[in-house]
Amino acid sequence: GTTDFGTAGYGGPCPPVGDRPHRYVFTVHALKVERLDLP
């Protein structure tokens, strides 16, 4: 899908130089449907 960067694909972490480390949460979901019928 479209990320919050406005594109598809993995955007990777990129906190500002010198900023405290940022948290990145990776989540995998098990669904009750075989697929999501989304554009």
PDB file of all heavy atoms in Angstrom:
ATOM      1  N   GLY A   1       0.831  -1.188   0.000  1.00  0.00           N
ATOM      2  CA  GLY A   1       0.000   0.000   0.000  1.00  0.00           C
ATOM      3  C   GLY A   1       0.869   1.243   0.000  1.00  0.00           C
ATOM      4  O   GLY A   1       2.097   1.173  -0.044  1.00  0.00           O
ATOM      5  N   THR A   2       0.212   2.389   0.047  1.00  0.00           N
ATOM      6  CA  THR A   2       0.903   3.669   0.060  1.00  0.00           C
ATOM      7  C   THR A   2       1.309   4.013   1.486  1.00  0.00           C
ATOM      8  O   THR A   2       0.467   4.075   2.376  1.00  0.00           O
ATOM      9  CB  THR A   2      -0.008   4.770  -0.508  1.00  0.00           C
ATOM     10  OG1 THR A   2      -0.406   4.385  -1.824  1.00  0.00           O
ATOM     11  CG2 THR A   2       0.706   6.099  -0.567  1.00  0.00           C
ATOM     12  N   THR A   3       2.589   4.224   1.705  1.00  0.00           N
ATOM     13  CA  THR A   3       3.090   4.570   3.040  1.00  0.00           C
ATOM     14  C   THR A   3       2.789   6.033   3.346  1.00  0.00           C
ATOM     15  O   THR A   3       2.283   6.775   2.494  1.00  0.00           O
ATOM     16  CB  THR A   3       4.616   4.367   3.118  1.00  0.00           C
ATOM     17  OG1 THR A   3       5.239   5.342   2.265  1.00  0.00           O
ATOM     18  CG2 THR A   3       5.025   2.959   2.714  1.00  0.00           C
ATOM     19  N   ASP A   4       3.141   6.452   4.546  1.00  0.00           N
ATOM     20  CA  ASP A   4       2.981   7.855   4.899  1.00  0.00           C
ATOM     21  C   ASP A   4       4.006   8.748   4.204  1.00  0.00           C
ATOM     22  O   ASP A   4       3.923   9.969   4.281  1.00  0.00           O
ATOM     23  CB  ASP A   4       3.018   8.043   6.415  1.00  0.00           C
ATOM     24  CG  ASP A   4       1.737   7.540   7.062  1.00  0.00           C
ATOM     25  OD1 ASP A   4       0.675   7.618   6.417  1.00  0.00           O
ATOM     26  OD2 ASP A   4       1.782   7.063   8.214  1.00  0.00           O
ATOM     27  N   PHE A   5       4.963   8.148   3.484  1.00  0.00           N
ATOM     28  CA  PHE A   5       5.861   8.908   2.624  1.00  0.00           C
ATOM     29  C   PHE A   5       5.157   9.273   1.312  1.00  0.00           C
ATOM     30  O   PHE A   5       5.656  10.052   0.525  1.00  0.00           O
ATOM     31  CB  PHE A   5       7.126   8.106   2.283  1.00  0.00           C
ATOM     32  CG  PHE A   5       8.058   7.870   3.439  1.00  0.00           C
ATOM     33  CD1 PHE A   5       8.179   6.613   3.997  1.00  0.00           C
ATOM     34  CD2 PHE A   5       8.817   8.912   3.957  1.00  0.00           C
ATOM     35  CE1 PHE A   5       9.059   6.387   5.054  1.00  0.00           C
ATOM     36  CE2 PHE A   5       9.691   8.695   5.010  1.00  0.00           C
ATOM     37  CZ  PHE A   5       9.804   7.430   5.570  1.00  0.00           C
ATOM     38  N   GLY A   6       4.006   8.605   1.049  1.00  0.00           N
ATOM     39  CA  GLY A   6       3.252   8.851  -0.175  1.00  0.00           C
ATOM     40  C   GLY A   6       3.599   7.916  -1.310  1.00  0.00           C
ATOM     41  O   GLY A   6       3.165   8.115  -2.434  1.00  0.00           O
ATOM     42  N   THR A   7       4.385   6.879  -1.023  1.00  0.00           N
ATOM     43  CA  THR A   7       4.810   5.932  -2.050  1.00  0.00           C
ATOM     44  C   THR A   7       4.699   4.507  -1.518  1.00  0.00           C
ATOM     45  O   THR A   7       4.516   4.280  -0.332  1.00  0.00           O
ATOM     46  CB  THR A   7       6.280   6.177  -2.449  1.00  0.00           C
ATOM     47  OG1 THR A   7       7.101   6.012  -1.285  1.00  0.00           O
ATOM     48  CG2 THR A   7       6.479   7.562  -3.028  1.00  0.00           C
ATOM     49  N   ALA A   8       4.850   3.547  -2.414  1.00  0.00           N
ATOM     50  CA  ALA A   8       4.942   2.140  -2.014  1.00  0.00           C
ATOM     51  C   ALA A   8       6.395   1.825  -1.706  1.00  0.00           C
ATOM     52  O   ALA A   8       7.302   2.542  -2.115  1.00  0.00           O
ATOM     53  CB  ALA A   8       4.438   1.244  -3.143  1.00  0.00           C
ATOM     54  N   GLY A   9       6.617   0.745  -0.967  1.00  0.00           N
ATOM     55  CA  GLY A   9       7.972   0.315  -0.641  1.00  0.00           C
ATOM     56  C   GLY A   9       8.359   0.711   0.767  1.00  0.00           C
ATOM     57  O   GLY A   9       7.752   1.585   1.380  1.00  0.00           O
ATOM     58  N   TYR A  10       9.379   0.036   1.269  1.00  0.00           N
ATOM     59  CA  TYR A  10       9.858   0.269   2.630  1.00  0.00           C
ATOM     60  C   TYR A  10      10.663   1.557   2.676  1.00  0.00           C
ATOM     61  O   TYR A  10      11.653   1.718   1.969  1.00  0.00           O
ATOM     62  CB  TYR A  10      10.711  -0.922   3.076  1.00  0.00           C
ATOM     63  CG  TYR A  10      11.292  -0.774   4.453  1.00  0.00           C
ATOM     64  CD1 TYR A  10      10.472  -0.605   5.557  1.00  0.00           C
ATOM     65  CD2 TYR A  10      12.663  -0.803   4.646  1.00  0.00           C
ATOM     66  CE1 TYR A  10      11.006  -0.467   6.834  1.00  0.00           C
ATOM     67  CE2 TYR A  10      13.206  -0.674   5.912  1.00  0.00           C
ATOM     68  CZ  TYR A  10      12.363  -0.509   6.996  1.00  0.00           C
ATOM     69  OH  TYR A  10      12.900  -0.365   8.254  1.00  0.00           O
ATOM     70  N   GLY A  11      10.242   2.494   3.549  1.00  0.00           N
ATOM     71  CA  GLY A  11      10.907   3.781   3.667  1.00  0.00           C
ATOM     72  C   GLY A  11      12.071   3.800   4.631  1.00  0.00           C
ATOM     73  O   GLY A  11      12.890   4.702   4.589  1.00  0.00           O
ATOM     74  N   GLY A  12      12.161   2.829   5.497  1.00  0.00           N
ATOM     75  CA  GLY A  12      13.278   2.737   6.431  1.00  0.00           C
ATOM     76  C   GLY A  12      13.331   3.858   7.451  1.00  0.00           C
ATOM     77  O   GLY A  12      12.752   4.914   7.266  1.00  0.00           O
ATOM     78  N   PRO A  13      14.030   3.618   8.552  1.00  0.00           N
ATOM     79  CA  PRO A  13      14.148   4.631   9.588  1.00  0.00           C
ATOM     80  C   PRO A  13      15.125   5.727   9.182  1.00  0.00           C
ATOM     81  O   PRO A  13      16.105   5.461   8.506  1.00  0.00           O
ATOM     82  CB  PRO A  13      14.679   3.843  10.787  1.00  0.00           C
ATOM     83  CG  PRO A  13      15.414   2.699  10.189  1.00  0.00           C
ATOM     84  CD  PRO A  13      14.690   2.365   8.908  1.00  0.00           C
ATOM     85  N   CYS A  14      14.834   6.935   9.605  1.00  0.00           N
ATOM     86  CA  CYS A  14      15.725   8.048   9.280  1.00  0.00           C
ATOM     87  C   CYS A  14      15.489   9.208  10.247  1.00  0.00           C
ATOM     88  O   CYS A  14      15.056  10.287   9.839  1.00  0.00           O
ATOM     89  CB  CYS A  14      15.523   8.493   7.842  1.00  0.00           C
ATOM     90  SG  CYS A  14      16.805   9.631   7.282  1.00  0.00           S
ATOM     91  N   PRO A  15      15.756   8.984  11.544  1.00  0.00           N
ATOM     92  CA  PRO A  15      15.575  10.090  12.484  1.00  0.00           C
ATOM     93  C   PRO A  15      16.593  11.197  12.225  1.00  0.00           C
ATOM     94  O   PRO A  15      17.655  10.944  11.653  1.00  0.00           O
ATOM     95  CB  PRO A  15      15.809   9.429  13.842  1.00  0.00           C
ATOM     96  CG  PRO A  15      16.645   8.244  13.554  1.00  0.00           C
ATOM     97  CD  PRO A  15      16.276   7.788  12.178  1.00  0.00           C
ATOM     98  N   PRO A  16      16.280  12.413  12.625  1.00  0.00           N
ATOM     99  CA  PRO A  16      17.233  13.506  12.419  1.00  0.00           C
ATOM    100  C   PRO A  16      18.565  13.236  13.127  1.00  0.00           C
ATOM    101  O   PRO A  16      18.594  12.654  14.218  1.00  0.00           O
ATOM    102  CB  PRO A  16      16.536  14.706  13.060  1.00  0.00           C
ATOM    103  CG  PRO A  16      15.088  14.349  13.086  1.00  0.00           C
ATOM    104  CD  PRO A  16      15.038  12.857  13.255  1.00  0.00           C
ATOM    105  N   VAL A  17      19.650  13.650  12.509  1.00  0.00           N
ATOM    106  CA  VAL A  17      20.981  13.501  13.094  1.00  0.00           C
ATOM    107  C   VAL A  17      21.010  14.220  14.436  1.00  0.00           C
ATOM    108  O   VAL A  17      20.556  15.362  14.558  1.00  0.00           O
ATOM    109  CB  VAL A  17      22.059  14.067  12.149  1.00  0.00           C
ATOM    110  CG1 VAL A  17      23.424  14.052  12.814  1.00  0.00           C
ATOM    111  CG2 VAL A  17      22.091  13.273  10.856  1.00  0.00           C
ATOM    112  N   GLY A  18      21.511  13.532  15.458  1.00  0.00           N
ATOM    113  CA  GLY A  18      21.640  14.117  16.786  1.00  0.00           C
ATOM    114  C   GLY A  18      20.402  13.997  17.654  1.00  0.00           C
ATOM    115  O   GLY A  18      20.455  14.252  18.852  1.00  0.00           O
ATOM    116  N   ASP A  19      19.274  13.606  17.063  1.00  0.00           N
ATOM    117  CA  ASP A  19      18.047  13.413  17.843  1.00  0.00           C
ATOM    118  C   ASP A  19      18.177  12.121  18.648  1.00  0.00           C
ATOM    119  O   ASP A  19      18.959  11.232  18.301  1.00  0.00           O
ATOM    120  CB  ASP A  19      16.860  13.313  16.892  1.00  0.00           C
ATOM    121  CG  ASP A  19      15.541  13.743  17.519  1.00  0.00           C
ATOM    122  OD1 ASP A  19      15.552  14.230  18.663  1.00  0.00           O
ATOM    123  OD2 ASP A  19      14.507  13.611  16.841  1.00  0.00           O
ATOM    124  N   ARG A  20      17.428  12.017  19.734  1.00  0.00           N
ATOM    125  CA  ARG A  20      17.414  10.761  20.475  1.00  0.00           C
ATOM    126  C   ARG A  20      16.921   9.655  19.553  1.00  0.00           C
ATOM    127  O   ARG A  20      16.157   9.920  18.623  1.00  0.00           O
ATOM    128  CB  ARG A  20      16.483  10.865  21.682  1.00  0.00           C
ATOM    129  CG  ARG A  20      17.032  11.774  22.754  1.00  0.00           C
ATOM    130  CD  ARG A  20      16.181  11.734  23.988  1.00  0.00           C
ATOM    131  NE  ARG A  20      14.796  12.111  23.648  1.00  0.00           N
ATOM    132  CZ  ARG A  20      13.785  12.089  24.492  1.00  0.00           C
ATOM    133  NH1 ARG A  20      13.966  11.717  25.728  1.00  0.00           N
ATOM    134  NH2 ARG A  20      12.587  12.447  24.110  1.00  0.00           N
ATOM    135  N   PRO A  21      17.328   8.409  19.786  1.00  0.00           N
ATOM    136  CA  PRO A  21      16.844   7.314  18.939  1.00  0.00           C
ATOM    137  C   PRO A  21      15.307   7.269  18.920  1.00  0.00           C
ATOM    138  O   PRO A  21      14.659   7.497  19.938  1.00  0.00           O
ATOM    139  CB  PRO A  21      17.419   6.066  19.609  1.00  0.00           C
ATOM    140  CG  PRO A  21      18.660   6.562  20.280  1.00  0.00           C
ATOM    141  CD  PRO A  21      18.307   7.940  20.778  1.00  0.00           C
ATOM    142  N   HIS A  22      14.769   7.018  17.750  1.00  0.00           N
ATOM    143  CA  HIS A  22      13.320   6.909  17.576  1.00  0.00           C
ATOM    144  C   HIS A  22      12.893   5.448  17.686  1.00  0.00           C
ATOM    145  O   HIS A  22      13.658   4.546  17.377  1.00  0.00           O
ATOM    146  CB  HIS A  22      12.913   7.431  16.200  1.00  0.00           C
ATOM    147  CG  HIS A  22      13.027   8.911  16.068  1.00  0.00           C
ATOM    148  ND1 HIS A  22      12.394   9.591  15.069  1.00  0.00           N
ATOM    149  CD2 HIS A  22      13.693   9.851  16.793  1.00  0.00           C
ATOM    150  CE1 HIS A  22      12.651  10.893  15.171  1.00  0.00           C
ATOM    151  NE2 HIS A  22      13.448  11.060  16.204  1.00  0.00           N
ATOM    152  N   ARG A  23      11.648   5.254  18.114  1.00  0.00           N
ATOM    153  CA  ARG A  23      11.074   3.907  18.213  1.00  0.00           C
ATOM    154  C   ARG A  23      10.417   3.538  16.888  1.00  0.00           C
ATOM    155  O   ARG A  23       9.719   4.351  16.288  1.00  0.00           O
ATOM    156  CB  ARG A  23      10.008   3.846  19.310  1.00  0.00           C
ATOM    157  CG  ARG A  23      10.527   4.042  20.695  1.00  0.00           C
ATOM    158  CD  ARG A  23       9.413   3.990  21.749  1.00  0.00           C
ATOM    159  NE  ARG A  23       8.271   4.822  21.397  1.00  0.00           N
ATOM    160  CZ  ARG A  23       7.036   4.368  21.186  1.00  0.00           C
ATOM    161  NH1 ARG A  23       6.763   3.096  21.289  1.00  0.00           N
ATOM    162  NH2 ARG A  23       6.059   5.190  20.870  1.00  0.00           N
ATOM    163  N   TYR A  24      10.637   2.305  16.450  1.00  0.00           N
ATOM    164  CA  TYR A  24      10.005   1.775  15.252  1.00  0.00           C
ATOM    165  C   TYR A  24       9.361   0.455  15.632  1.00  0.00           C
ATOM    166  O   TYR A  24      10.020  -0.440  16.139  1.00  0.00           O
ATOM    167  CB  TYR A  24      11.034   1.583  14.134  1.00  0.00           C
ATOM    168  CG  TYR A  24      11.617   2.909  13.686  1.00  0.00           C
ATOM    169  CD1 TYR A  24      12.723   3.453  14.326  1.00  0.00           C
ATOM    170  CD2 TYR A  24      11.020   3.623  12.669  1.00  0.00           C
ATOM    171  CE1 TYR A  24      13.234   4.688  13.942  1.00  0.00           C
ATOM    172  CE2 TYR A  24      11.527   4.859  12.278  1.00  0.00           C
ATOM    173  CZ  TYR A  24      12.625   5.383  12.924  1.00  0.00           C
ATOM    174  OH  TYR A  24      13.113   6.608  12.546  1.00  0.00           O
ATOM    175  N   VAL A  25       8.059   0.347  15.386  1.00  0.00           N
ATOM    176  CA  VAL A  25       7.297  -0.839  15.767  1.00  0.00           C
ATOM    177  C   VAL A  25       7.013  -1.655  14.513  1.00  0.00           C
ATOM    178  O   VAL A  25       6.452  -1.138  13.544  1.00  0.00           O
ATOM    179  CB  VAL A  25       5.975  -0.454  16.472  1.00  0.00           C
ATOM    180  CG1 VAL A  25       5.197  -1.699  16.861  1.00  0.00           C
ATOM    181  CG2 VAL A  25       6.246   0.434  17.679  1.00  0.00           C
ATOM    182  N   PHE A  26       7.407  -2.913  14.528  1.00  0.00           N
ATOM    183  CA  PHE A  26       7.175  -3.845  13.425  1.00  0.00           C
ATOM    184  C   PHE A  26       6.078  -4.804  13.876  1.00  0.00           C
ATOM    185  O   PHE A  26       6.196  -5.423  14.941  1.00  0.00           O
ATOM    186  CB  PHE A  26       8.450  -4.634  13.106  1.00  0.00           C
ATOM    187  CG  PHE A  26       9.581  -3.757  12.641  1.00  0.00           C
ATOM    188  CD1 PHE A  26      10.368  -3.056  13.551  1.00  0.00           C
ATOM    189  CD2 PHE A  26       9.861  -3.637  11.289  1.00  0.00           C
ATOM    190  CE1 PHE A  26      11.414  -2.247  13.122  1.00  0.00           C
ATOM    191  CE2 PHE A  26      10.904  -2.834  10.856  1.00  0.00           C
ATOM    192  CZ  PHE A  26      11.680  -2.132  11.765  1.00  0.00           C
ATOM    193  N   THR A  27       5.021  -4.937  13.083  1.00  0.00           N
ATOM    194  CA  THR A  27       3.878  -5.767  13.480  1.00  0.00           C
ATOM    195  C   THR A  27       3.464  -6.662  12.328  1.00  0.00           C
ATOM    196  O   THR A  27       3.417  -6.222  11.178  1.00  0.00           O
ATOM    197  CB  THR A  27       2.683  -4.883  13.892  1.00  0.00           C
ATOM    198  OG1 THR A  27       3.094  -3.989  14.925  1.00  0.00           O
ATOM    199  CG2 THR A  27       1.522  -5.736  14.398  1.00  0.00           C
ATOM    200  N   VAL A  28       3.165  -7.903  12.654  1.00  0.00           N
ATOM    201  CA  VAL A  28       2.593  -8.848  11.698  1.00  0.00           C
ATOM    202  C   VAL A  28       1.224  -9.243  12.245  1.00  0.00           C
ATOM    203  O   VAL A  28       1.047  -9.368  13.459  1.00  0.00           O
ATOM    204  CB  VAL A  28       3.519 -10.072  11.478  1.00  0.00           C
ATOM    205  CG1 VAL A  28       3.720 -10.859  12.746  1.00  0.00           C
ATOM    206  CG2 VAL A  28       2.986 -10.939  10.361  1.00  0.00           C
ATOM    207  N   HIS A  29       0.246  -9.378  11.351  1.00  0.00           N
ATOM    208  CA  HIS A  29      -1.126  -9.670  11.746  1.00  0.00           C
ATOM    209  C   HIS A  29      -1.584 -10.997  11.144  1.00  0.00           C
ATOM    210  O   HIS A  29      -1.297 -11.271   9.977  1.00  0.00           O
ATOM    211  CB  HIS A  29      -2.083  -8.582  11.246  1.00  0.00           C
ATOM    212  CG  HIS A  29      -1.723  -7.205  11.718  1.00  0.00           C
ATOM    213  ND1 HIS A  29      -2.220  -6.678  12.878  1.00  0.00           N
ATOM    214  CD2 HIS A  29      -0.923  -6.255  11.190  1.00  0.00           C
ATOM    215  CE1 HIS A  29      -1.748  -5.453  13.036  1.00  0.00           C
ATOM    216  NE2 HIS A  29      -0.945  -5.174  12.037  1.00  0.00           N
ATOM    217  N   ALA A  30      -2.312 -11.774  11.924  1.00  0.00           N
ATOM    218  CA  ALA A  30      -3.015 -12.953  11.418  1.00  0.00           C
ATOM    219  C   ALA A  30      -4.468 -12.531  11.248  1.00  0.00           C
ATOM    220  O   ALA A  30      -5.069 -11.969  12.177  1.00  0.00           O
ATOM    221  CB  ALA A  30      -2.917 -14.109  12.408  1.00  0.00           C
ATOM    222  N   LEU A  31      -5.022 -12.789  10.068  1.00  0.00           N
ATOM    223  CA  LEU A  31      -6.374 -12.326   9.768  1.00  0.00           C
ATOM    224  C   LEU A  31      -7.356 -13.477   9.648  1.00  0.00           C
ATOM    225  O   LEU A  31      -6.974 -14.606   9.356  1.00  0.00           O
ATOM    226  CB  LEU A  31      -6.374 -11.525   8.463  1.00  0.00           C
ATOM    227  CG  LEU A  31      -5.415 -10.339   8.396  1.00  0.00           C
ATOM    228  CD1 LEU A  31      -5.554  -9.633   7.054  1.00  0.00           C
ATOM    229  CD2 LEU A  31      -5.661  -9.376   9.543  1.00  0.00           C
ATOM    230  N   LYS A  32      -8.627 -13.164   9.826  1.00  0.00           N
ATOM    231  CA  LYS A  32      -9.685 -14.168   9.697  1.00  0.00           C
ATOM    232  C   LYS A  32     -10.151 -14.317   8.250  1.00  0.00           C
ATOM    233  O   LYS A  32     -11.024 -15.126   7.971  1.00  0.00           O
ATOM    234  CB  LYS A  32     -10.851 -13.826  10.607  1.00  0.00           C
ATOM    235  CG  LYS A  32     -11.511 -12.499  10.331  1.00  0.00           C
ATOM    236  CD  LYS A  32     -12.567 -12.184  11.377  1.00  0.00           C
ATOM    237  CE  LYS A  32     -13.117 -10.779  11.185  1.00  0.00           C
ATOM    238  NZ  LYS A  32     -14.034 -10.423  12.270  1.00  0.00           N
ATOM    239  N   VAL A  33      -9.559 -13.552   7.357  1.00  0.00           N
ATOM    240  CA  VAL A  33      -9.854 -13.650   5.924  1.00  0.00           C
ATOM    241  C   VAL A  33      -8.561 -14.000   5.201  1.00  0.00           C
ATOM    242  O   VAL A  33      -7.469 -13.696   5.672  1.00  0.00           O
ATOM    243  CB  VAL A  33     -10.452 -12.331   5.371  1.00  0.00           C
ATOM    244  CG1 VAL A  33     -11.811 -12.052   5.982  1.00  0.00           C
ATOM    245  CG2 VAL A  33      -9.515 -11.156   5.590  1.00  0.00           C
ATOM    246  N   GLU A  34      -8.699 -14.648   4.050  1.00  0.00           N
ATOM    247  CA  GLU A  34      -7.500 -15.048   3.308  1.00  0.00           C
ATOM    248  C   GLU A  34      -6.779 -13.854   2.703  1.00  0.00           C
ATOM    249  O   GLU A  34      -5.558 -13.843   2.588  1.00  0.00           O
ATOM    250  CB  GLU A  34      -7.874 -16.046   2.203  1.00  0.00           C
ATOM    251  CG  GLU A  34      -6.660 -16.653   1.532  1.00  0.00           C
ATOM    252  CD  GLU A  34      -7.004 -17.841   0.677  1.00  0.00           C
ATOM    253  OE1 GLU A  34      -7.938 -18.582   1.005  1.00  0.00           O
ATOM    254  OE2 GLU A  34      -6.310 -18.010  -0.350  1.00  0.00           O
ATOM    255  N   ARG A  35      -7.542 -12.844   2.316  1.00  0.00           N
ATOM    256  CA  ARG A  35      -6.930 -11.663   1.709  1.00  0.00           C
ATOM    257  C   ARG A  35      -7.814 -10.455   1.946  1.00  0.00           C
ATOM    258  O   ARG A  35      -9.011 -10.584   2.166  1.00  0.00           O
ATOM    259  CB  ARG A  35      -6.682 -11.872   0.223  1.00  0.00           C
ATOM    260  CG  ARG A  35      -7.930 -12.105  -0.608  1.00  0.00           C
ATOM    261  CD  ARG A  35      -7.670 -12.400  -2.086  1.00  0.00           C
ATOM    262  NE  ARG A  35      -6.780 -11.482  -2.735  1.00  0.00           N
ATOM    263  CZ  ARG A  35      -7.134 -10.318  -3.254  1.00  0.00           C
ATOM    264  NH1 ARG A  35      -8.381  -9.918  -3.205  1.00  0.00           N
ATOM    265  NH2 ARG A  35      -6.246  -9.546  -3.834  1.00  0.00           N
ATOM    266  N   LEU A  36      -7.207  -9.282   1.895  1.00  0.00           N
ATOM    267  CA  LEU A  36      -7.939  -8.030   1.965  1.00  0.00           C
ATOM    268  C   LEU A  36      -8.168  -7.559   0.535  1.00  0.00           C
ATOM    269  O   LEU A  36      -7.220  -7.448  -0.247  1.00  0.00           O
ATOM    270  CB  LEU A  36      -7.144  -6.968   2.737  1.00  0.00           C
ATOM    271  CG  LEU A  36      -6.877  -7.263   4.207  1.00  0.00           C
ATOM    272  CD1 LEU A  36      -5.989  -6.174   4.809  1.00  0.00           C
ATOM    273  CD2 LEU A  36      -8.181  -7.382   4.981  1.00  0.00           C
ATOM    274  N   ASP A  37      -9.413  -7.311   0.191  1.00  0.00           N
ATOM    275  CA  ASP A  37      -9.754  -6.876  -1.157  1.00  0.00           C
ATOM    276  C   ASP A  37      -9.701  -5.356  -1.208  1.00  0.00           C
ATOM    277  O   ASP A  37     -10.722  -4.680  -1.101  1.00  0.00           O
ATOM    278  CB  ASP A  37     -11.132  -7.393  -1.550  1.00  0.00           C
ATOM    279  CG  ASP A  37     -11.439  -7.176  -3.021  1.00  0.00           C
ATOM    280  OD1 ASP A  37     -10.486  -7.021  -3.813  1.00  0.00           O
ATOM    281  OD2 ASP A  37     -12.636  -7.151  -3.370  1.00  0.00           O
ATOM    282  N   LEU A  38      -8.485  -4.830  -1.333  1.00  0.00           N
ATOM    283  CA  LEU A  38      -8.246  -3.391  -1.313  1.00  0.00           C
ATOM    284  C   LEU A  38      -7.517  -2.977  -2.582  1.00  0.00           C
ATOM    285  O   LEU A  38      -6.771  -3.773  -3.157  1.00  0.00           O
ATOM    286  CB  LEU A  38      -7.389  -3.010  -0.100  1.00  0.00           C
ATOM    287  CG  LEU A  38      -7.907  -3.439   1.265  1.00  0.00           C
ATOM    288  CD1 LEU A  38      -6.880  -3.098   2.340  1.00  0.00           C
ATOM    289  CD2 LEU A  38      -9.242  -2.774   1.562  1.00  0.00           C
ATOM    290  N   PRO A  39      -7.678  -1.735  -2.999  1.00  0.00           N
ATOM    291  CA  PRO A  39      -6.933  -1.280  -4.184  1.00  0.00           C
ATOM    292  C   PRO A  39      -5.442  -1.209  -3.888  1.00  0.00           C
ATOM    293  O   PRO A  39      -5.038  -0.985  -2.737  1.00  0.00           O
ATOM    294  CB  PRO A  39      -7.512   0.108  -4.463  1.00  0.00           C
ATOM    295  CG  PRO A  39      -8.102   0.551  -3.170  1.00  0.00           C
ATOM    296  CD  PRO A  39      -8.538  -0.694  -2.448  1.00  0.00           C
TER     297      PRO A  39
END
